[in-house]
Amino acid sequence: MNACFRGARRRMALGVMAAWAAWVLPVAAQTAGASAPPPSEPLRLALIEALSGPFANAGEAVFRNLLWATERVNARGGVKLPAAAGGARKLELVRMDSKGQADEALSLLKNATDRQIGFVLQGNSSGVASALVEALNKHNEREPQRRAVLLNYSAVEPSLTNDRCSFWHFRFDAHADMRLAALMSVLQDDKALKKVYLIGQDYSFGQQLGRQARAAITARRPDIEIVGDELHPMGRVKDFMPYATKIRASGAQAVITGNWGNDLTLLVKATRELGVPLKYYTFYANALGAPAALGDAGVGAVLAVAEWHPNLGDAPSEALVSAFHKRFPDPRDDYLHARMQTLVELLVQAIEKARSADPTAVARALEGLAYDGATLGGVHSGSMRAADHQFQQPLVVSMMDKAGAPGVKHDVEGSGYGFRTVRRFDARAMELPHTCRMTRPE
C-alpha cells in the first residue's frame, strides 16, 4: 500500500513538472526571442529598367549582371556595417519594369522612395536617366529623410555629368564622348576609309553622338566625306530596309552608330541582307543578337568599344567569364559587363567606408573613391571623379572575328563569332574635361 502511495505521489509530481514545463518553457522561449536582436533587413537596390517591350533583352541582360554581382557580395557575408547600423546586411535587387518609358520610370522611382529604397539603378536610355535625375534633385530637397541616389551603368549622354550634373547621380559607364574618342582613334588610322554614314536613335544620346561624330571626323580626318546623317524613331522601327537602301545608295564604306538593342540588330540585319560591304563603328555591336545577325559579313568589319571584353586573355578575365557561364549556362545569356560588377562593388565599398547605408553619407563616400578590382580578381578598376561623378576607367576597342581565330577564345551568345582586341586605352588617356558645377547638400 505504501508502494502504491509512493507511486501515485511520484506520478503526481511528474504531472506537475510536465504542466510547469508546458507553461514556463514557451514563455521563456518567447522572452529570449524578444530580447535577441532581429536579423538585419536586406539592403535593397531598385533596378528601374525596361524588362518588357522592344528592349527587354537589354534589360534582362542588365538584370543578370547585377543579380550576379549582388549574389557574390552576399556569398561573402554581405555589406559589413557596425552593429549600431544593423551589422552585416545582404543585398536584395528589386526588379521594377519601366517598359523603357520615362513616365513609368518616374512612377517606379516614387514607389522606390516611398519604400525608402535609397539606391536606384538604371541605364538603358539617357532620356529616362535625365528624367530620373531631375526628379531626384527635387525629391531629395523636398524630402531629405527619404533621399535616394541614382547609379547609372549605361546612360551615356555626356551632359549628365557635365552641365546637368547632380550630386545624386553617379555614372559608371564611359560617356559617349569618351567612347567615341576611343573609336575615332582607331578610325583615324583607317586610311582606306573615305565615306561614312551616321545613323542613330532619335533621342538625347543619339542626337549628341551624331553631332560629336561629325565634329570628330572633321577634326581628325577632314578627307572623309559624311554621306548620310539621320535619326530614326527609337524602338519603333520594325523594318530597317529603307535605311539600309539609303546607306547602300550613299556609297558609304562605314557606318557610325550608337544604336543598341533591337534597333542595332535590325539595322545590321537589313544591311547584311542587301549585301552592303560595310564597316561598323559601334558602341554595342558585341552582343544582343548583333554578331549572329551579321555573320561572316561582320568578320574584320565590326568594331565595338567597352570597358572590357571576354577575350582580353588574361587569367582574371578567364576566371570571371568561367564563373559567369557557370551561373548562367545558357549561351544566350552571356552578355557580361565588368562595369556593372564594379558598380555594385564600389557601392559596397562606399557603404562600408561611410559606416552607414544613408544615401547622403554613401554619396559623399563615393566621391573620389577608387576601386582596385580586388574583388573581381583584378579584371576592372577605376575611380569615381568627385568633380562630376563620372567614373574614370580603361576602354578597349575590339573587332569581330570567328571564334577560334587568334585572340577569340570566347564567342558571343553561341553565335560562333567573338571579338578580339584592337587597341586598349588606359583611364588617363580616356579622361576628358568637364563643365560640371556640382551643388552639394549642406
Protein backbone atom coordinates (compact mmCIF):
# COMPACT_ATOMS: atom_id res chain seq x y z
CA MET A 1 0.00 0.00 0.00
CA ASN A 2 2.90 2.30 0.84
CA ALA A 3 4.39 1.41 -2.53
CA CYS A 4 1.10 2.35 -4.23
CA PHE A 5 1.03 5.63 -2.37
CA ARG A 6 4.63 6.42 -3.29
CA GLY A 7 3.93 5.58 -6.98
CA ALA A 8 0.87 7.85 -7.04
CA ARG A 9 2.83 10.67 -5.42
CA ARG A 10 5.65 10.23 -7.97
CA ARG A 11 3.16 10.30 -10.86
CA MET A 12 1.56 13.46 -9.43
CA ALA A 13 4.99 15.15 -9.15
CA LEU A 14 5.82 14.26 -12.73
CA GLY A 15 2.46 15.64 -13.87
CA VAL A 16 3.07 18.92 -12.05
CA MET A 17 6.53 19.18 -13.58
CA ALA A 18 5.14 18.50 -17.05
CA ALA A 19 2.47 21.15 -16.60
CA TRP A 20 5.11 23.61 -15.38
CA ALA A 21 7.32 22.86 -18.37
CA ALA A 22 4.39 23.23 -20.77
CA TRP A 23 3.68 26.70 -19.42
CA VAL A 24 7.11 28.06 -18.44
CA LEU A 25 9.32 26.90 -21.34
CA PRO A 26 7.32 28.58 -24.16
CA VAL A 27 7.20 31.80 -22.13
CA ALA A 28 10.97 31.60 -21.60
CA ALA A 29 11.48 31.00 -25.31
CA GLN A 30 9.28 33.99 -26.14
CA THR A 31 11.20 36.15 -23.70
CA ALA A 32 14.55 35.05 -25.12
CA GLY A 33 13.30 35.72 -28.67
CA ALA A 34 12.10 39.17 -27.70
CA SER A 35 15.47 40.12 -26.24
CA ALA A 36 17.53 38.77 -29.16
CA PRO A 37 18.23 41.32 -31.91
CA PRO A 38 16.21 40.62 -35.08
CA PRO A 39 18.20 39.77 -38.21
CA SER A 40 19.07 42.83 -40.28
CA GLU A 41 16.81 43.53 -43.22
CA PRO A 42 18.46 43.27 -46.63
CA LEU A 43 19.77 46.43 -48.23
CA ARG A 44 17.51 46.90 -51.23
CA LEU A 45 18.61 48.18 -54.64
CA ALA A 46 15.83 49.21 -57.03
CA LEU A 47 16.51 48.27 -60.66
CA ILE A 48 14.31 50.53 -62.81
CA GLU A 49 14.70 49.19 -66.32
CA ALA A 50 12.87 48.07 -69.47
CA LEU A 51 12.15 44.44 -68.63
CA SER A 52 9.39 44.14 -71.22
CA GLY A 53 8.81 45.70 -74.62
CA PRO A 54 11.25 46.13 -77.55
CA PHE A 55 14.33 46.49 -75.32
CA ALA A 56 13.53 43.73 -72.83
CA ASN A 57 16.54 41.68 -73.96
CA ALA A 58 18.87 44.53 -72.97
CA GLY A 59 17.07 44.98 -69.64
CA GLU A 60 17.26 41.29 -68.80
CA ALA A 61 20.98 41.26 -69.62
CA VAL A 62 21.43 44.09 -67.12
CA PHE A 63 19.42 42.21 -64.52
CA ARG A 64 21.59 39.09 -64.85
CA ASN A 65 24.76 41.12 -64.43
CA LEU A 66 23.54 43.00 -61.37
CA LEU A 67 21.95 39.92 -59.82
CA TRP A 68 25.22 38.04 -60.11
CA ALA A 69 27.12 40.97 -58.60
CA THR A 70 24.80 41.08 -55.57
CA GLU A 71 24.96 37.30 -55.19
CA ARG A 72 28.75 37.42 -54.98
CA VAL A 73 28.62 40.11 -52.30
CA ASN A 74 26.07 38.11 -50.31
CA ALA A 75 28.14 34.93 -50.63
CA ARG A 76 30.99 36.60 -48.76
CA GLY A 77 28.72 37.79 -45.95
CA GLY A 78 27.09 40.90 -47.39
CA VAL A 79 27.85 44.54 -46.62
CA LYS A 80 29.87 44.93 -43.42
CA LEU A 81 28.35 47.61 -41.18
CA PRO A 82 28.83 48.41 -37.48
CA ALA A 83 26.41 46.77 -35.05
CA ALA A 84 24.85 50.16 -34.36
CA ALA A 85 23.99 50.40 -38.08
CA GLY A 86 22.47 46.93 -38.17
CA GLY A 87 25.57 44.81 -38.68
CA ALA A 88 26.20 42.81 -41.85
CA ARG A 89 23.43 43.21 -44.43
CA LYS A 90 22.71 41.22 -47.56
CA LEU A 91 21.85 42.95 -50.83
CA GLU A 92 18.45 42.50 -52.49
CA LEU A 93 17.87 43.52 -56.10
CA VAL A 94 14.27 44.71 -56.62
CA ARG A 95 13.04 44.45 -60.23
CA MET A 96 10.94 47.37 -61.46
CA ASP A 97 9.79 47.29 -65.08
CA SER A 98 9.72 50.75 -66.66
CA LYS A 99 8.94 49.34 -70.13
CA GLY A 100 11.54 51.83 -71.35
CA GLN A 101 9.19 54.77 -70.71
CA ALA A 102 10.15 57.85 -68.71
CA ASP A 103 6.71 58.28 -67.13
CA GLU A 104 6.71 54.66 -65.98
CA ALA A 105 10.22 55.10 -64.59
CA LEU A 106 9.18 58.19 -62.62
CA SER A 107 6.24 56.33 -61.12
CA LEU A 108 8.56 53.49 -60.10
CA LEU A 109 11.01 55.96 -58.60
CA LYS A 110 8.24 57.28 -56.35
CA ASN A 111 7.40 53.72 -55.41
CA ALA A 112 11.04 53.07 -54.50
CA THR A 113 11.40 56.22 -52.38
CA ASP A 114 8.05 55.53 -50.68
CA ARG A 115 9.54 52.18 -49.67
CA GLN A 116 12.69 54.01 -48.54
CA ILE A 117 14.92 52.29 -51.06
CA GLY A 118 17.92 54.60 -51.13
CA PHE A 119 19.78 53.23 -54.18
CA VAL A 120 18.25 53.26 -57.66
CA LEU A 121 19.99 51.57 -60.62
CA GLN A 122 19.19 52.50 -64.23
CA GLY A 123 20.99 52.97 -67.52
CA ASN A 124 19.29 51.79 -70.72
CA SER A 125 18.16 55.18 -72.11
CA SER A 126 19.69 58.54 -71.38
CA GLY A 127 16.25 60.10 -71.75
CA VAL A 128 14.94 58.04 -68.84
CA ALA A 129 18.11 58.76 -66.84
CA SER A 130 17.65 62.51 -67.37
CA ALA A 131 14.07 62.34 -66.10
CA LEU A 132 15.16 60.36 -63.03
CA VAL A 133 17.96 62.79 -62.21
CA GLU A 134 15.65 65.79 -62.38
CA ALA A 135 13.05 64.03 -60.24
CA LEU A 136 15.65 63.02 -57.64
CA ASN A 137 17.01 66.55 -57.43
CA LYS A 138 13.54 67.80 -56.45
CA HIS A 139 12.61 64.84 -54.26
CA ASN A 140 15.82 64.85 -52.24
CA GLU A 141 15.50 68.55 -51.49
CA ARG A 142 11.83 68.22 -50.57
CA GLU A 143 12.11 65.02 -48.52
CA PRO A 144 15.62 64.76 -47.05
CA GLN A 145 14.53 61.90 -44.77
CA ARG A 146 13.85 59.70 -47.82
CA ARG A 147 16.68 60.59 -50.17
CA ALA A 148 17.93 58.27 -52.91
CA VAL A 149 20.95 58.07 -55.22
CA LEU A 150 20.92 57.10 -58.91
CA LEU A 151 23.67 54.69 -60.00
CA ASN A 152 23.88 54.75 -63.80
CA TYR A 153 25.52 51.85 -65.65
CA SER A 154 24.91 52.77 -69.31
CA ALA A 155 23.11 56.08 -69.94
CA VAL A 156 25.98 57.80 -71.73
CA GLU A 157 24.62 61.18 -72.85
CA PRO A 158 27.54 63.46 -71.81
CA SER A 159 25.54 66.32 -70.27
CA LEU A 160 24.51 64.07 -67.37
CA THR A 161 27.98 64.59 -65.90
CA ASN A 162 28.60 67.98 -67.46
CA ASP A 163 26.24 70.97 -67.36
CA ARG A 164 23.38 68.84 -65.96
CA CYS A 165 25.45 67.04 -63.34
CA SER A 166 23.87 66.20 -59.99
CA PHE A 167 25.22 65.23 -56.59
CA TRP A 168 22.64 62.42 -56.60
CA HIS A 169 23.81 60.84 -59.88
CA PHE A 170 26.89 58.67 -60.45
CA ARG A 171 27.81 57.28 -63.87
CA PHE A 172 29.79 54.03 -64.11
CA ASP A 173 29.92 53.81 -67.91
CA ALA A 174 32.25 55.94 -70.01
CA HIS A 175 30.08 58.67 -71.54
CA ALA A 176 29.52 58.96 -75.28
CA ASP A 177 32.34 61.41 -75.95
CA MET A 178 34.81 59.14 -74.14
CA ARG A 179 33.68 56.06 -76.05
CA LEU A 180 33.65 57.98 -79.32
CA ALA A 181 37.20 59.26 -78.73
CA ALA A 182 38.41 55.65 -78.48
CA LEU A 183 36.58 54.64 -81.67
CA MET A 184 37.79 57.69 -83.57
CA SER A 185 41.39 56.93 -82.62
CA VAL A 186 41.01 53.63 -84.49
CA LEU A 187 39.00 55.11 -87.37
CA GLN A 188 41.64 57.81 -87.84
CA ASP A 189 44.20 55.16 -88.80
CA ASP A 190 41.96 53.52 -91.43
CA LYS A 191 43.47 55.28 -94.45
CA ALA A 192 41.27 53.44 -96.96
CA LEU A 193 38.13 54.90 -95.41
CA LYS A 194 36.73 57.84 -97.40
CA LYS A 195 32.94 57.81 -96.89
CA VAL A 196 30.94 57.27 -93.68
CA TYR A 197 27.24 57.24 -92.79
CA LEU A 198 25.96 58.45 -89.41
CA ILE A 199 22.74 56.91 -88.11
CA GLY A 200 21.24 56.80 -84.65
CA GLN A 201 18.18 56.67 -82.44
CA ASP A 202 16.24 59.93 -82.20
CA TYR A 203 16.68 60.85 -78.55
CA SER A 204 19.24 62.73 -76.49
CA PHE A 205 22.07 60.20 -76.77
CA GLY A 206 21.61 59.51 -80.48
CA GLN A 207 21.43 63.24 -81.25
CA GLN A 208 24.55 64.01 -79.23
CA LEU A 209 26.52 61.17 -80.78
CA GLY A 210 25.69 62.33 -84.31
CA ARG A 211 26.92 65.85 -83.56
CA GLN A 212 30.09 64.70 -81.87
CA ALA A 213 30.92 62.10 -84.52
CA ARG A 214 30.66 64.75 -87.23
CA ALA A 215 32.91 67.11 -85.25
CA ALA A 216 35.45 64.35 -84.53
CA ILE A 217 35.67 63.27 -88.17
CA THR A 218 36.09 66.87 -89.31
CA ALA A 219 38.90 67.40 -86.81
CA ARG A 220 40.73 64.06 -87.20
CA ARG A 221 40.05 63.08 -90.83
CA PRO A 222 38.82 66.06 -92.87
CA ASP A 223 39.33 63.96 -96.01
CA ILE A 224 36.45 61.67 -95.03
CA GLU A 225 33.07 62.57 -96.54
CA ILE A 226 29.97 62.20 -94.39
CA VAL A 227 27.46 60.86 -96.95
CA GLY A 228 24.49 60.43 -94.59
CA ASP A 229 23.38 61.73 -91.22
CA GLU A 230 19.99 60.74 -89.91
CA LEU A 231 17.99 59.71 -86.87
CA HIS A 232 15.17 57.21 -86.63
CA PRO A 233 12.41 56.69 -84.03
CA MET A 234 13.71 54.74 -81.06
CA GLY A 235 12.30 51.25 -80.58
CA ARG A 236 9.53 51.69 -83.14
CA VAL A 237 11.12 50.74 -86.47
CA LYS A 238 10.34 47.14 -87.41
CA ASP A 239 11.80 47.25 -90.93
CA PHE A 240 15.20 48.90 -91.43
CA MET A 241 15.36 48.04 -95.13
CA PRO A 242 14.61 51.65 -96.24
CA TYR A 243 17.54 52.86 -94.13
CA ALA A 244 19.78 50.09 -95.45
CA THR A 245 18.83 51.03 -99.01
CA LYS A 246 19.83 54.65 -98.42
CA ILE A 247 23.12 53.55 -96.87
CA ARG A 248 23.88 51.43 -99.95
CA ALA A 249 22.94 54.22 -102.32
CA SER A 250 25.22 56.67 -100.49
CA GLY A 251 28.34 54.69 -101.29
CA ALA A 252 29.29 54.61 -97.61
CA GLN A 253 32.17 52.36 -96.61
CA ALA A 254 31.40 52.56 -92.90
CA VAL A 255 28.54 53.28 -90.52
CA ILE A 256 28.97 55.02 -87.18
CA THR A 257 26.09 54.29 -84.79
CA GLY A 258 25.24 54.31 -81.13
CA ASN A 259 22.21 52.07 -81.72
CA TRP A 260 21.60 49.39 -79.13
CA GLY A 261 19.16 46.53 -78.54
CA ASN A 262 16.84 45.56 -81.37
CA ASP A 263 17.45 48.87 -83.16
CA LEU A 264 21.03 47.75 -83.74
CA THR A 265 20.24 44.12 -84.54
CA LEU A 266 17.59 45.01 -87.12
CA LEU A 267 19.81 47.63 -88.74
CA VAL A 268 22.72 45.26 -89.26
CA LYS A 269 20.39 42.50 -90.47
CA ALA A 270 18.97 44.81 -93.13
CA THR A 271 22.34 45.93 -94.46
CA ARG A 272 23.56 42.34 -94.48
CA GLU A 273 20.52 41.21 -96.48
CA LEU A 274 21.38 43.84 -99.11
CA GLY A 275 24.95 42.59 -99.20
CA VAL A 276 26.39 46.03 -98.45
CA PRO A 277 30.11 45.71 -97.59
CA LEU A 278 30.39 47.97 -94.56
CA LYS A 279 32.48 48.59 -91.52
CA TYR A 280 30.50 49.34 -88.39
CA TYR A 281 31.96 51.58 -85.70
CA THR A 282 29.64 50.92 -82.77
CA PHE A 283 29.18 51.19 -79.04
CA TYR A 284 27.15 48.00 -78.63
CA ALA A 285 27.56 45.55 -81.56
CA ASN A 286 29.28 42.98 -79.35
CA ALA A 287 26.09 41.23 -78.17
CA LEU A 288 22.28 41.09 -78.05
CA GLY A 289 21.97 39.33 -81.40
CA ALA A 290 24.14 41.65 -83.49
CA PRO A 291 27.04 39.21 -84.12
CA ALA A 292 24.67 36.41 -85.16
CA ALA A 293 22.79 38.84 -87.42
CA LEU A 294 26.00 39.95 -89.13
CA GLY A 295 27.53 36.52 -89.58
CA ASP A 296 30.58 36.36 -91.81
CA ALA A 297 29.83 39.87 -93.08
CA GLY A 298 30.91 41.22 -89.71
CA VAL A 299 34.28 39.48 -89.59
CA GLY A 300 37.01 42.11 -89.69
CA ALA A 301 34.36 44.78 -90.26
CA VAL A 302 32.52 45.43 -86.99
CA LEU A 303 34.14 47.29 -84.11
CA ALA A 304 32.82 47.88 -80.62
CA VAL A 305 34.07 49.85 -77.64
CA ALA A 306 33.65 48.90 -73.98
CA GLU A 307 35.45 48.95 -70.66
CA TRP A 308 36.30 45.24 -71.03
CA HIS A 309 35.52 42.21 -73.15
CA PRO A 310 35.77 38.45 -72.54
CA ASN A 311 38.71 37.84 -74.90
CA LEU A 312 41.30 40.00 -73.19
CA GLY A 313 43.04 36.72 -72.50
CA ASP A 314 44.42 37.38 -69.03
CA ALA A 315 43.85 34.96 -66.14
CA PRO A 316 41.43 37.22 -64.19
CA SER A 317 39.23 37.69 -67.27
CA GLU A 318 39.19 33.96 -67.93
CA ALA A 319 38.18 33.28 -64.33
CA LEU A 320 35.38 35.88 -64.45
CA VAL A 321 33.99 34.53 -67.73
CA SER A 322 34.10 30.96 -66.45
CA ALA A 323 32.29 31.86 -63.24
CA PHE A 324 29.61 33.84 -65.11
CA HIS A 325 28.98 30.95 -67.53
CA LYS A 326 28.69 28.58 -64.59
CA ARG A 327 26.00 30.83 -63.08
CA PHE A 328 24.23 31.40 -66.42
CA PRO A 329 24.98 28.36 -68.60
CA ASP A 330 22.64 29.28 -71.45
CA PRO A 331 24.94 30.78 -74.14
CA ARG A 332 22.24 33.31 -75.00
CA ASP A 333 22.76 34.86 -71.56
CA ASP A 334 26.48 35.60 -71.78
CA TYR A 335 26.44 39.41 -72.15
CA LEU A 336 28.84 40.14 -69.29
CA HIS A 337 29.78 43.70 -68.25
CA ALA A 338 32.69 44.43 -65.94
CA ARG A 339 31.37 47.91 -65.16
CA MET A 340 28.13 46.56 -63.69
CA GLN A 341 30.12 44.32 -61.38
CA THR A 342 32.25 47.32 -60.42
CA LEU A 343 29.16 49.43 -59.73
CA VAL A 344 27.97 47.02 -57.05
CA GLU A 345 31.46 46.53 -55.63
CA LEU A 346 32.14 50.27 -55.37
CA LEU A 347 28.72 50.85 -53.80
CA VAL A 348 29.52 48.26 -51.14
CA GLN A 349 32.92 49.86 -50.61
CA ALA A 350 31.29 53.29 -50.16
CA ILE A 351 28.68 51.98 -47.69
CA GLU A 352 31.39 50.34 -45.62
CA LYS A 353 33.52 53.48 -45.78
CA ALA A 354 30.56 55.63 -44.66
CA ARG A 355 29.71 53.04 -41.96
CA SER A 356 26.11 53.74 -42.91
CA ALA A 357 23.55 52.96 -45.62
CA ASP A 358 22.26 56.53 -45.52
CA PRO A 359 22.20 57.67 -49.18
CA THR A 360 23.69 61.10 -48.46
CA ALA A 361 26.58 59.62 -46.49
CA VAL A 362 27.16 56.98 -49.16
CA ALA A 363 27.13 59.60 -51.93
CA ARG A 364 29.81 61.57 -50.09
CA ALA A 365 31.86 58.38 -49.64
CA LEU A 366 31.59 57.57 -53.37
CA GLU A 367 33.14 60.88 -54.38
CA GLY A 368 36.76 60.30 -55.31
CA LEU A 369 36.58 56.63 -54.34
CA ALA A 370 38.92 54.28 -56.22
CA TYR A 371 38.32 50.61 -56.96
CA ASP A 372 41.38 48.40 -57.38
CA GLY A 373 39.49 45.44 -58.81
CA ALA A 374 40.49 43.10 -55.98
CA THR A 375 37.01 41.61 -55.51
CA LEU A 376 36.84 40.96 -59.28
CA GLY A 377 40.25 39.32 -59.37
CA GLY A 378 41.80 42.42 -60.94
CA VAL A 379 39.59 42.42 -64.05
CA HIS A 380 38.46 46.04 -63.83
CA SER A 381 39.50 49.13 -61.91
CA GLY A 382 38.92 52.87 -61.91
CA SER A 383 37.88 55.82 -59.79
CA MET A 384 34.79 57.98 -59.34
CA ARG A 385 35.81 61.55 -60.18
CA ALA A 386 34.42 63.75 -57.41
CA ALA A 387 34.07 66.85 -59.58
CA ASP A 388 31.39 65.42 -61.90
CA HIS A 389 30.63 61.86 -60.68
CA GLN A 390 31.99 60.33 -63.91
CA PHE A 391 33.77 57.01 -63.39
CA GLN A 392 37.24 57.05 -64.95
CA GLN A 393 38.24 53.68 -66.42
CA PRO A 394 40.15 51.98 -69.23
CA LEU A 395 38.47 51.36 -72.59
CA VAL A 396 39.01 48.66 -75.20
CA VAL A 397 38.18 48.74 -78.92
CA SER A 398 37.60 45.24 -80.31
CA MET A 399 36.94 43.74 -83.75
CA MET A 400 34.52 40.95 -84.64
CA ASP A 401 36.05 37.68 -85.80
CA LYS A 402 35.28 33.97 -85.94
CA ALA A 403 35.54 32.01 -82.71
CA GLY A 404 38.85 30.16 -82.67
CA ALA A 405 40.66 32.86 -84.60
CA PRO A 406 43.72 34.32 -82.84
CA GLY A 407 42.54 36.30 -79.82
CA VAL A 408 38.95 34.94 -79.96
CA LYS A 409 38.60 32.14 -77.43
CA HIS A 410 35.02 33.00 -76.45
CA ASP A 411 32.20 33.56 -78.91
CA VAL A 412 29.15 35.73 -78.25
CA GLU A 413 25.81 34.13 -77.32
CA GLY A 414 26.74 30.85 -79.02
CA SER A 415 26.91 32.64 -82.40
CA GLY A 416 30.32 31.30 -83.42
CA TYR A 417 31.64 34.88 -83.53
CA GLY A 418 33.50 36.86 -80.92
CA PHE A 419 35.68 39.95 -80.58
CA ARG A 420 39.45 40.38 -80.46
CA THR A 421 41.31 43.34 -79.02
CA VAL A 422 42.34 46.06 -81.47
CA ARG A 423 43.53 48.70 -79.01
CA ARG A 424 43.46 49.30 -75.28
CA PHE A 425 43.39 52.75 -73.68
CA ASP A 426 44.20 53.38 -70.04
CA ALA A 427 41.94 55.51 -67.88
CA ARG A 428 44.21 58.55 -68.06
CA ALA A 429 44.09 58.54 -71.87
CA MET A 430 40.28 58.48 -71.80
CA GLU A 431 39.80 61.24 -69.23
CA LEU A 432 38.06 64.29 -70.70
CA PRO A 433 37.44 67.74 -69.20
CA HIS A 434 34.01 68.53 -67.81
CA THR A 435 31.71 71.52 -67.35
CA CYS A 436 30.04 70.35 -64.14
CA ARG A 437 29.36 72.84 -61.34
CA MET A 438 28.34 70.48 -58.60
CA THR A 439 25.83 71.65 -55.99
CA ARG A 440 26.20 69.60 -52.84
CA PRO A 441 23.75 69.35 -49.93
CA GLU A 442 24.72 71.25 -46.79
